[in-house]
């Protein structure tokens, strides 16, 4: 591991998914991470995003 990555140990960070995780920034405004269920729900929405068509079906 690089020193920069080691310095993020036990920190709350924001990443984006583009064929792999990419670090964006550290969240110094948060004291605690999201709950496991919240994190898994976000991951599921990344893996299976809601389509425009699905939204329109719900609205109409």
PDB file of N, CA and C in Angstrom:
ATOM      1  N   UNK A   1       0.829  -1.189   0.000  1.00  0.00           N
ATOM      2  CA  UNK A   1       0.000   0.000   0.000  1.00  0.00           C
ATOM      3  C   UNK A   1       0.871   1.249   0.000  1.00  0.00           C
ATOM      4  N   UNK A   2       0.352   2.276  -0.630  1.00  0.00           N
ATOM      5  CA  UNK A   2       1.090   3.536  -0.644  1.00  0.00           C
ATOM      6  C   UNK A   2       0.885   4.273   0.675  1.00  0.00           C
ATOM      7  N   UNK A   3       1.771   5.216   0.965  1.00  0.00           N
ATOM      8  CA  UNK A   3       1.644   6.021   2.179  1.00  0.00           C
ATOM      9  C   UNK A   3       0.333   6.804   2.164  1.00  0.00           C
ATOM     10  N   UNK A   4      -0.058   7.315   1.002  1.00  0.00           N
ATOM     11  CA  UNK A   4      -1.302   8.084   0.892  1.00  0.00           C
ATOM     12  C   UNK A   4      -2.506   7.225   1.264  1.00  0.00           C
ATOM     13  N   UNK A   5      -2.515   5.984   0.817  1.00  0.00           N
ATOM     14  CA  UNK A   5      -3.625   5.082   1.149  1.00  0.00           C
ATOM     15  C   UNK A   5      -3.573   4.704   2.624  1.00  0.00           C
ATOM     16  N   UNK A   6      -2.390   4.437   3.151  1.00  0.00           N
ATOM     17  CA  UNK A   6      -2.264   4.111   4.579  1.00  0.00           C
ATOM     18  C   UNK A   6      -2.770   5.260   5.443  1.00  0.00           C
ATOM     19  N   UNK A   7      -2.564   6.497   5.008  1.00  0.00           N
ATOM     20  CA  UNK A   7      -3.022   7.659   5.769  1.00  0.00           C
ATOM     21  C   UNK A   7      -4.545   7.763   5.809  1.00  0.00           C
ATOM     22  N   UNK A   8      -5.242   7.062   4.925  1.00  0.00           N
ATOM     23  CA  UNK A   8      -6.709   7.077   4.909  1.00  0.00           C
ATOM     24  C   UNK A   8      -7.320   5.972   5.770  1.00  0.00           C
ATOM     25  N   UNK A   9      -6.479   5.124   6.373  1.00  0.00           N
ATOM     26  CA  UNK A   9      -6.985   4.048   7.218  1.00  0.00           C
ATOM     27  C   UNK A   9      -7.821   4.628   8.352  1.00  0.00           C
ATOM     28  N   UNK A  10      -9.000   4.056   8.565  1.00  0.00           N
ATOM     29  CA  UNK A  10      -9.945   4.480   9.595  1.00  0.00           C
ATOM     30  C   UNK A  10     -10.571   5.849   9.314  1.00  0.00           C
ATOM     31  N   UNK A  11     -10.464   6.324   8.091  1.00  0.00           N
ATOM     32  CA  UNK A  11     -11.080   7.588   7.686  1.00  0.00           C
ATOM     33  C   UNK A  11     -12.332   7.292   6.869  1.00  0.00           C
ATOM     34  N   UNK A  12     -13.232   8.264   6.810  1.00  0.00           N
ATOM     35  CA  UNK A  12     -14.424   8.150   5.974  1.00  0.00           C
ATOM     36  C   UNK A  12     -14.107   8.840   4.660  1.00  0.00           C
ATOM     37  N   UNK A  13     -14.282   8.107   3.565  1.00  0.00           N
ATOM     38  CA  UNK A  13     -13.933   8.640   2.252  1.00  0.00           C
ATOM     39  C   UNK A  13     -15.098   8.481   1.278  1.00  0.00           C
ATOM     40  N   UNK A  14     -15.023   9.207   0.180  1.00  0.00           N
ATOM     41  CA  UNK A  14     -15.992   9.100  -0.908  1.00  0.00           C
ATOM     42  C   UNK A  14     -15.244   8.543  -2.109  1.00  0.00           C
ATOM     43  N   UNK A  15     -15.826   7.534  -2.737  1.00  0.00           N
ATOM     44  CA  UNK A  15     -15.247   6.941  -3.937  1.00  0.00           C
ATOM     45  C   UNK A  15     -16.296   6.941  -5.037  1.00  0.00           C
ATOM     46  N   UNK A  16     -15.841   6.767  -6.257  1.00  0.00           N
ATOM     47  CA  UNK A  16     -16.767   6.576  -7.373  1.00  0.00           C
ATOM     48  C   UNK A  16     -16.401   5.266  -8.052  1.00  0.00           C
ATOM     49  N   UNK A  17     -17.371   4.689  -8.745  1.00  0.00           N
ATOM     50  CA  UNK A  17     -17.165   3.418  -9.440  1.00  0.00           C
ATOM     51  C   UNK A  17     -17.079   3.673 -10.929  1.00  0.00           C
ATOM     52  N   UNK A  18     -15.937   3.389 -11.514  1.00  0.00           N
ATOM     53  CA  UNK A  18     -15.741   3.424 -12.969  1.00  0.00           C
ATOM     54  C   UNK A  18     -14.852   2.245 -13.320  1.00  0.00           C
ATOM     55  N   UNK A  19     -15.480   1.081 -13.453  1.00  0.00           N
ATOM     56  CA  UNK A  19     -14.746  -0.172 -13.672  1.00  0.00           C
ATOM     57  C   UNK A  19     -13.757  -0.444 -12.553  1.00  0.00           C
ATOM     58  N   UNK A  20     -14.056   0.027 -11.386  1.00  0.00           N
ATOM     59  CA  UNK A  20     -13.225  -0.115 -10.192  1.00  0.00           C
ATOM     60  C   UNK A  20     -13.418   1.110  -9.320  1.00  0.00           C
ATOM     61  N   UNK A  21     -13.040   0.996  -8.044  1.00  0.00           N
ATOM     62  CA  UNK A  21     -13.215   2.116  -7.124  1.00  0.00           C
ATOM     63  C   UNK A  21     -12.114   3.146  -7.307  1.00  0.00           C
ATOM     64  N   UNK A  22     -12.514   4.417  -7.317  1.00  0.00           N
ATOM     65  CA  UNK A  22     -11.575   5.533  -7.442  1.00  0.00           C
ATOM     66  C   UNK A  22     -11.844   6.526  -6.318  1.00  0.00           C
ATOM     67  N   UNK A  23     -10.799   6.840  -5.566  1.00  0.00           N
ATOM     68  CA  UNK A  23     -10.904   7.782  -4.458  1.00  0.00           C
ATOM     69  C   UNK A  23     -11.265   9.170  -4.978  1.00  0.00           C
ATOM     70  N   UNK A  24     -12.194   9.837  -4.291  1.00  0.00           N
ATOM     71  CA  UNK A  24     -12.566  11.205  -4.650  1.00  0.00           C
ATOM     72  C   UNK A  24     -12.140  12.190  -3.566  1.00  0.00           C
ATOM     73  N   UNK A  25     -12.548  11.916  -2.313  1.00  0.00           N
ATOM     74  CA  UNK A  25     -12.194  12.843  -1.239  1.00  0.00           C
ATOM     75  C   UNK A  25     -12.435  12.205   0.123  1.00  0.00           C
ATOM     76  N   UNK A  26     -11.858  12.823   1.131  1.00  0.00           N
ATOM     77  CA  UNK A  26     -12.091  12.408   2.507  1.00  0.00           C
ATOM     78  C   UNK A  26     -13.256  13.215   3.065  1.00  0.00           C
ATOM     79  N   UNK A  27     -14.089  12.584   3.895  1.00  0.00           N
ATOM     80  CA  UNK A  27     -15.242  13.247   4.517  1.00  0.00           C
ATOM     81  C   UNK A  27     -14.880  13.636   5.950  1.00  0.00           C
ATOM     82  N   UNK A  28     -14.331  14.814   6.131  1.00  0.00           N
ATOM     83  CA  UNK A  28     -13.982  15.269   7.478  1.00  0.00           C
ATOM     84  C   UNK A  28     -15.205  15.773   8.238  1.00  0.00           C
ATOM     85  N   UNK A  29     -16.326  15.947   7.534  1.00  0.00           N
ATOM     86  CA  UNK A  29     -17.552  16.427   8.173  1.00  0.00           C
ATOM     87  C   UNK A  29     -18.352  15.302   8.826  1.00  0.00           C
ATOM     88  N   UNK A  30     -17.957  14.052   8.620  1.00  0.00           N
ATOM     89  CA  UNK A  30     -18.692  12.913   9.183  1.00  0.00           C
ATOM     90  C   UNK A  30     -17.859  12.241  10.269  1.00  0.00           C
ATOM     91  N   UNK A  31     -18.531  11.877  11.362  1.00  0.00           N
ATOM     92  CA  UNK A  31     -17.857  11.181  12.462  1.00  0.00           C
ATOM     93  C   UNK A  31     -17.986   9.668  12.352  1.00  0.00           C
ATOM     94  N   UNK A  32     -19.068   9.218  11.692  1.00  0.00           N
ATOM     95  CA  UNK A  32     -19.333   7.792  11.583  1.00  0.00           C
ATOM     96  C   UNK A  32     -19.690   7.442  10.143  1.00  0.00           C
ATOM     97  N   UNK A  33     -19.288   6.261   9.685  1.00  0.00           N
ATOM     98  CA  UNK A  33     -19.648   5.849   8.315  1.00  0.00           C
ATOM     99  C   UNK A  33     -21.121   5.475   8.226  1.00  0.00           C
ATOM    100  N   UNK A  34     -21.598   5.296   7.006  1.00  0.00           N
ATOM    101  CA  UNK A  34     -22.958   4.806   6.793  1.00  0.00           C
ATOM    102  C   UNK A  34     -23.093   3.403   7.375  1.00  0.00           C
ATOM    103  N   UNK A  35     -24.297   3.050   7.756  1.00  0.00           N
ATOM    104  CA  UNK A  35     -24.593   1.702   8.228  1.00  0.00           C
ATOM    105  C   UNK A  35     -24.366   0.719   7.077  1.00  0.00           C
ATOM    106  N   UNK A  36     -24.040  -0.501   7.413  1.00  0.00           N
ATOM    107  CA  UNK A  36     -23.783  -1.541   6.417  1.00  0.00           C
ATOM    108  C   UNK A  36     -24.931  -1.668   5.420  1.00  0.00           C
ATOM    109  N   UNK A  37     -26.185  -1.675   5.912  1.00  0.00           N
ATOM    110  CA  UNK A  37     -27.337  -1.826   5.017  1.00  0.00           C
ATOM    111  C   UNK A  37     -27.429  -0.659   4.041  1.00  0.00           C
ATOM    112  N   UNK A  38     -27.115   0.536   4.494  1.00  0.00           N
ATOM    113  CA  UNK A  38     -27.127   1.709   3.616  1.00  0.00           C
ATOM    114  C   UNK A  38     -26.061   1.569   2.536  1.00  0.00           C
ATOM    115  N   UNK A  39     -24.867   1.173   2.941  1.00  0.00           N
ATOM    116  CA  UNK A  39     -23.775   0.999   1.976  1.00  0.00           C
ATOM    117  C   UNK A  39     -24.124  -0.063   0.938  1.00  0.00           C
ATOM    118  N   UNK A  40     -24.736  -1.161   1.372  1.00  0.00           N
ATOM    119  CA  UNK A  40     -25.106  -2.222   0.438  1.00  0.00           C
ATOM    120  C   UNK A  40     -26.221  -1.771  -0.502  1.00  0.00           C
ATOM    121  N   UNK A  41     -27.154  -0.955  -0.016  1.00  0.00           N
ATOM    122  CA  UNK A  41     -28.223  -0.435  -0.874  1.00  0.00           C
ATOM    123  C   UNK A  41     -27.650   0.502  -1.935  1.00  0.00           C
ATOM    124  N   UNK A  42     -26.678   1.312  -1.548  1.00  0.00           N
ATOM    125  CA  UNK A  42     -26.025   2.202  -2.516  1.00  0.00           C
ATOM    126  C   UNK A  42     -25.286   1.374  -3.561  1.00  0.00           C
ATOM    127  N   UNK A  43     -24.565   0.350  -3.118  1.00  0.00           N
ATOM    128  CA  UNK A  43     -23.837  -0.511  -4.052  1.00  0.00           C
ATOM    129  C   UNK A  43     -24.804  -1.190  -5.027  1.00  0.00           C
ATOM    130  N   UNK A  44     -25.938  -1.637  -4.527  1.00  0.00           N
ATOM    131  CA  UNK A  44     -26.932  -2.281  -5.394  1.00  0.00           C
ATOM    132  C   UNK A  44     -27.464  -1.288  -6.426  1.00  0.00           C
ATOM    133  N   UNK A  45     -27.656  -0.036  -6.025  1.00  0.00           N
ATOM    134  CA  UNK A  45     -28.135   0.974  -6.982  1.00  0.00           C
ATOM    135  C   UNK A  45     -27.069   1.309  -8.026  1.00  0.00           C
ATOM    136  N   UNK A  46     -25.801   1.157  -7.671  1.00  0.00           N
ATOM    137  CA  UNK A  46     -24.723   1.346  -8.653  1.00  0.00           C
ATOM    138  C   UNK A  46     -24.730   0.177  -9.636  1.00  0.00           C
ATOM    139  N   UNK A  47     -24.868  -1.029  -9.118  1.00  0.00           N
ATOM    140  CA  UNK A  47     -24.855  -2.228  -9.959  1.00  0.00           C
ATOM    141  C   UNK A  47     -26.083  -2.323 -10.849  1.00  0.00           C
ATOM    142  N   UNK A  48     -27.242  -1.914 -10.324  1.00  0.00           N
ATOM    143  CA  UNK A  48     -28.509  -2.016 -11.050  1.00  0.00           C
ATOM    144  C   UNK A  48     -29.258  -0.688 -10.969  1.00  0.00           C
ATOM    145  N   UNK A  49     -28.818   0.302 -11.714  1.00  0.00           N
ATOM    146  CA  UNK A  49     -29.464   1.620 -11.616  1.00  0.00           C
ATOM    147  C   UNK A  49     -30.893   1.594 -12.155  1.00  0.00           C
ATOM    148  N   UNK A  50     -31.698   2.499 -11.623  1.00  0.00           N
ATOM    149  CA  UNK A  50     -33.073   2.661 -12.096  1.00  0.00           C
ATOM    150  C   UNK A  50     -33.014   3.361 -13.447  1.00  0.00           C
ATOM    151  N   UNK A  51     -33.725   2.820 -14.422  1.00  0.00           N
ATOM    152  CA  UNK A  51     -33.714   3.410 -15.763  1.00  0.00           C
ATOM    153  C   UNK A  51     -34.769   4.508 -15.882  1.00  0.00           C
ATOM    154  N   UNK A  52     -34.624   5.325 -16.883  1.00  0.00           N
ATOM    155  CA  UNK A  52     -35.605   6.371 -17.181  1.00  0.00           C
ATOM    156  C   UNK A  52     -36.973   5.742 -17.428  1.00  0.00           C
ATOM    157  N   UNK A  53     -36.994   4.628 -18.136  1.00  0.00           N
ATOM    158  CA  UNK A  53     -38.243   3.941 -18.441  1.00  0.00           C
ATOM    159  C   UNK A  53     -38.934   3.455 -17.162  1.00  0.00           C
ATOM    160  N   UNK A  54     -38.170   2.924 -16.228  1.00  0.00           N
ATOM    161  CA  UNK A  54     -38.744   2.469 -14.966  1.00  0.00           C
ATOM    162  C   UNK A  54     -39.369   3.636 -14.201  1.00  0.00           C
ATOM    163  N   UNK A  55     -38.690   4.757 -14.177  1.00  0.00           N
ATOM    164  CA  UNK A  55     -39.233   5.932 -13.496  1.00  0.00           C
ATOM    165  C   UNK A  55     -40.515   6.413 -14.156  1.00  0.00           C
ATOM    166  N   UNK A  56     -40.530   6.433 -15.481  1.00  0.00           N
ATOM    167  CA  UNK A  56     -41.724   6.882 -16.192  1.00  0.00           C
ATOM    168  C   UNK A  56     -42.904   5.951 -15.948  1.00  0.00           C
ATOM    169  N   UNK A  57     -42.651   4.652 -15.825  1.00  0.00           N
ATOM    170  CA  UNK A  57     -43.727   3.697 -15.524  1.00  0.00           C
ATOM    171  C   UNK A  57     -44.337   3.979 -14.154  1.00  0.00           C
ATOM    172  N   UNK A  58     -43.515   4.339 -13.206  1.00  0.00           N
ATOM    173  CA  UNK A  58     -44.006   4.630 -11.858  1.00  0.00           C
ATOM    174  C   UNK A  58     -44.813   5.926 -11.852  1.00  0.00           C
ATOM    175  N   UNK A  59     -44.339   6.923 -12.576  1.00  0.00           N
ATOM    176  CA  UNK A  59     -44.999   8.233 -12.609  1.00  0.00           C
ATOM    177  C   UNK A  59     -46.343   8.156 -13.317  1.00  0.00           C
ATOM    178  N   UNK A  60     -46.392   7.428 -14.424  1.00  0.00           N
ATOM    179  CA  UNK A  60     -47.618   7.389 -15.240  1.00  0.00           C
ATOM    180  C   UNK A  60     -48.585   6.414 -14.718  1.00  0.00           C
TER     181      UNK A  60
END
